[in-house]
N, C-alpha and C. Protein backbone atom coordinates (compact mmCIF):
# COMPACT_ATOMS: atom_id res chain seq x y z
N UNK A 1 1.06 -1.30 0.19
CA UNK A 1 0.05 -0.05 -0.32
C UNK A 1 0.62 1.42 -0.17
N UNK A 2 0.70 2.01 -0.81
CA UNK A 2 1.24 3.22 -0.71
C UNK A 2 1.13 4.17 0.18
N UNK A 3 1.98 5.57 -0.06
CA UNK A 3 1.54 6.45 0.98
C UNK A 3 0.58 7.43 0.79
N UNK A 4 0.12 7.58 -0.54
CA UNK A 4 -1.07 8.35 -0.99
C UNK A 4 -2.49 7.63 -0.73
N UNK A 5 -2.53 6.47 -0.16
CA UNK A 5 -3.68 5.92 -0.18
C UNK A 5 -3.79 5.80 1.68
N UNK A 6 -2.92 5.58 2.31
CA UNK A 6 -2.57 6.17 3.67
C UNK A 6 -2.88 7.40 4.22
N UNK A 7 -2.42 8.10 3.37
CA UNK A 7 -3.01 9.95 3.69
C UNK A 7 -4.40 9.85 3.50
N UNK A 8 -5.02 9.39 2.45
CA UNK A 8 -6.37 9.45 2.40
C UNK A 8 -7.18 8.57 3.43
N UNK A 9 -6.97 7.56 3.82
CA UNK A 9 -7.30 7.09 5.00
C UNK A 9 -7.10 8.41 6.08
N UNK A 10 -6.43 8.66 6.17
CA UNK A 10 -6.47 9.44 7.60
C UNK A 10 -6.90 10.79 7.18
N UNK A 11 -6.96 11.25 6.10
CA UNK A 11 -7.98 12.41 5.46
C UNK A 11 -9.35 12.08 5.82
N UNK A 12 -10.00 10.85 5.40
CA UNK A 12 -11.14 10.66 5.64
C UNK A 12 -11.50 10.61 7.15
N UNK A 13 -10.67 9.92 7.91
CA UNK A 13 -10.59 9.75 9.32
C UNK A 13 -10.79 11.02 10.17
N UNK A 14 -10.51 12.08 9.61
CA UNK A 14 -10.23 13.21 10.26
C UNK A 14 -11.58 13.89 9.81
N UNK A 15 -11.94 13.91 8.87
CA UNK A 15 -13.13 14.55 8.11
C UNK A 15 -14.42 13.75 8.95
N UNK A 16 -14.25 12.28 8.83
CA UNK A 16 -15.49 11.98 9.66
C UNK A 16 -15.91 12.40 11.11
N UNK A 17 -14.68 13.02 11.80
CA UNK A 17 -14.68 13.18 13.00
C UNK A 17 -15.14 14.77 13.51
N UNK A 18 -15.17 15.50 12.13
CA UNK A 18 -15.93 16.97 12.49
C UNK A 18 -17.33 16.78 12.18
N UNK A 19 -17.96 18.06 12.17
CA UNK A 19 -19.41 17.89 11.89
C UNK A 19 -20.07 17.57 10.76
N UNK A 20 -18.88 18.05 9.59
CA UNK A 20 -19.44 17.69 8.25
C UNK A 20 -19.60 16.11 8.14
N UNK A 21 -18.83 15.37 8.67
CA UNK A 21 -19.15 14.12 8.40
C UNK A 21 -18.73 13.55 7.10
N UNK A 22 -18.75 12.11 6.77
CA UNK A 22 -18.91 11.64 5.33
C UNK A 22 -19.95 11.28 4.31
N UNK A 23 -19.87 11.64 3.37
CA UNK A 23 -21.19 11.29 2.48
C UNK A 23 -20.92 9.74 1.84
N UNK A 24 -21.99 9.05 1.60
CA UNK A 24 -21.87 7.64 1.51
C UNK A 24 -20.74 7.37 0.48
N UNK A 25 -20.78 7.67 -0.34
CA UNK A 25 -19.50 7.31 -1.25
C UNK A 25 -18.14 7.69 -0.18
N UNK A 26 -18.13 8.58 0.39
CA UNK A 26 -16.88 8.65 0.95
C UNK A 26 -16.52 7.67 2.05
N UNK A 27 -17.46 7.02 2.85
CA UNK A 27 -18.31 5.50 3.76
C UNK A 27 -17.41 4.72 2.68
N UNK A 28 -17.98 4.23 1.81
CA UNK A 28 -17.54 3.44 0.83
C UNK A 28 -16.26 3.25 0.54
N UNK A 29 -15.48 4.44 0.16
CA UNK A 29 -14.07 4.57 -0.04
C UNK A 29 -13.46 4.42 1.32
N UNK A 30 -13.92 4.77 2.06
CA UNK A 30 -12.74 4.64 3.49
C UNK A 30 -12.95 2.93 3.78
N UNK A 31 -14.10 2.48 3.99
CA UNK A 31 -14.01 0.85 4.48
C UNK A 31 -13.10 0.07 3.24
N UNK A 32 -13.07 0.67 1.63
CA UNK A 32 -12.52 -0.05 0.91
C UNK A 32 -11.01 -0.08 1.38
N UNK A 33 -10.83 1.34 1.06
CA UNK A 33 -9.33 1.76 2.12
C UNK A 33 -8.60 0.86 3.15
N UNK A 34 -9.58 0.71 3.95
CA UNK A 34 -9.35 0.34 5.38
C UNK A 34 -8.86 -1.30 5.05
N UNK A 35 -10.01 -1.92 4.57
CA UNK A 35 -9.83 -3.16 4.15
C UNK A 35 -8.36 -3.64 3.23
N UNK A 36 -8.42 -2.88 2.19
CA UNK A 36 -7.23 -2.80 1.60
C UNK A 36 -5.72 -2.93 2.76
N UNK A 37 -5.74 -1.71 3.49
CA UNK A 37 -4.47 -1.71 4.50
C UNK A 37 -4.71 -3.12 5.02
N UNK A 38 -5.53 -3.43 5.58
CA UNK A 38 -5.50 -4.50 6.74
C UNK A 38 -4.86 -5.78 5.74
N UNK A 39 -5.58 -5.90 4.66
CA UNK A 39 -5.18 -6.88 3.83
C UNK A 39 -3.60 -7.28 3.88
N UNK A 40 -2.91 -5.97 3.70
CA UNK A 40 -1.76 -5.49 3.10
C UNK A 40 -0.93 -5.67 4.66
N UNK A 41 -1.16 -5.45 5.67
CA UNK A 41 -0.47 -5.79 6.73
C UNK A 41 -0.53 -7.53 7.35
N UNK A 42 -1.53 -7.82 7.06
CA UNK A 42 -1.79 -8.98 7.50
C UNK A 42 -1.04 -10.08 6.37
N UNK A 43 -0.61 -9.54 5.03
CA UNK A 43 0.03 -10.38 4.21
C UNK A 43 1.05 -10.25 4.72
N UNK A 44 2.11 -8.96 4.85
CA UNK A 44 3.38 -8.65 5.56
C UNK A 44 3.64 -9.38 6.62
N UNK A 45 2.83 -9.81 7.68
CA UNK A 45 2.85 -10.33 8.76
C UNK A 45 3.09 -12.11 8.46
N UNK A 46 2.12 -12.63 7.85
CA UNK A 46 2.36 -13.94 6.92
C UNK A 46 3.64 -14.00 6.81
N UNK A 47 3.94 -13.35 5.68
CA UNK A 47 5.36 -13.70 4.62
C UNK A 47 6.47 -13.71 5.77
N UNK A 48 6.40 -12.57 6.87
CA UNK A 48 7.69 -12.48 8.13
C UNK A 48 7.50 -13.76 8.76
N UNK A 49 6.22 -14.43 8.99
CA UNK A 49 6.21 -15.79 9.79
C UNK A 49 6.35 -16.52 9.22
N UNK A 50 6.49 -16.77 7.77
CA UNK A 50 6.61 -18.20 6.67
C UNK A 50 8.37 -17.94 7.00
N UNK A 51 8.91 -17.04 7.02
CA UNK A 51 10.38 -17.04 7.12
C UNK A 51 11.32 -17.03 8.73
N UNK A 52 10.03 -17.21 9.40
CA UNK A 52 10.74 -17.31 11.04
C UNK A 52 10.99 -18.56 11.63
N UNK A 53 12.09 -18.80 12.04
CA UNK A 53 12.64 -19.86 12.59
C UNK A 53 12.81 -20.11 14.02
N UNK A 54 12.61 -21.13 14.80
CA UNK A 54 13.13 -21.56 16.32
C UNK A 54 13.91 -22.29 16.41
N UNK A 55 14.93 -21.77 17.33
CA UNK A 55 16.50 -22.31 17.93
C UNK A 55 15.64 -23.27 18.52
N UNK A 56 15.95 -24.81 18.42
CA UNK A 56 15.59 -25.40 20.31
C UNK A 56 17.15 -25.46 20.99
N UNK A 57 17.16 -26.38 22.20
CA UNK A 57 18.20 -26.37 22.92
C UNK A 57 19.16 -27.33 22.42
N UNK A 58 19.40 -27.52 21.51
CA UNK A 58 20.56 -28.46 20.29
C UNK A 58 21.13 -27.40 19.64
N UNK A 59 20.23 -26.27 18.91
CA UNK A 59 20.64 -25.12 17.92
C UNK A 59 20.16 -25.68 16.95
N UNK A 60 19.28 -26.70 16.58
CA UNK A 60 18.63 -26.73 15.39
C UNK A 60 17.22 -25.81 14.85
N UNK A 61 17.21 -25.52 13.92
CA UNK A 61 16.19 -24.88 13.58
C UNK A 61 14.72 -25.28 13.26
N UNK A 62 13.89 -24.81 13.64
CA UNK A 62 12.51 -25.45 13.13
C UNK A 62 11.50 -24.31 13.00
N UNK A 63 11.03 -24.65 11.78
CA UNK A 63 9.97 -23.69 11.15
C UNK A 63 8.89 -23.34 11.95
N UNK A 64 8.34 -22.32 12.22
CA UNK A 64 7.09 -22.18 13.20
C UNK A 64 5.90 -22.96 12.15
N UNK A 65 5.19 -23.31 13.06
CA UNK A 65 3.91 -24.27 12.36
C UNK A 65 2.74 -23.63 12.85
N UNK A 66 1.51 -23.61 12.02
CA UNK A 66 0.41 -23.23 12.53
C UNK A 66 -0.11 -23.72 13.66
N UNK A 67 -0.99 -23.03 14.49
CA UNK A 67 -1.59 -23.48 15.62
C UNK A 67 -2.11 -24.70 15.19
N UNK A 68 -2.22 -26.06 15.35
CA UNK A 68 -3.36 -27.22 15.12
C UNK A 68 -2.43 -27.97 14.31
N UNK A 69 -1.36 -27.56 14.24
CA UNK A 69 -0.36 -28.78 13.30
C UNK A 69 0.45 -29.70 14.05
């Protein structure tokens, strides 16, 4: 997600707090931008966790496993 979209999210959040509020189109835009932001953050986190290893007492690397595996 690029900085212009993040700036737009912040701009819409500030406008929503004012007495003016958001129009229906702006609310839809805000929801779409927020969803895109959350998806980007989750994707980055999953990628980082996929590259994470844990060392056991013997010095062996073990890949992180998903809960329940």
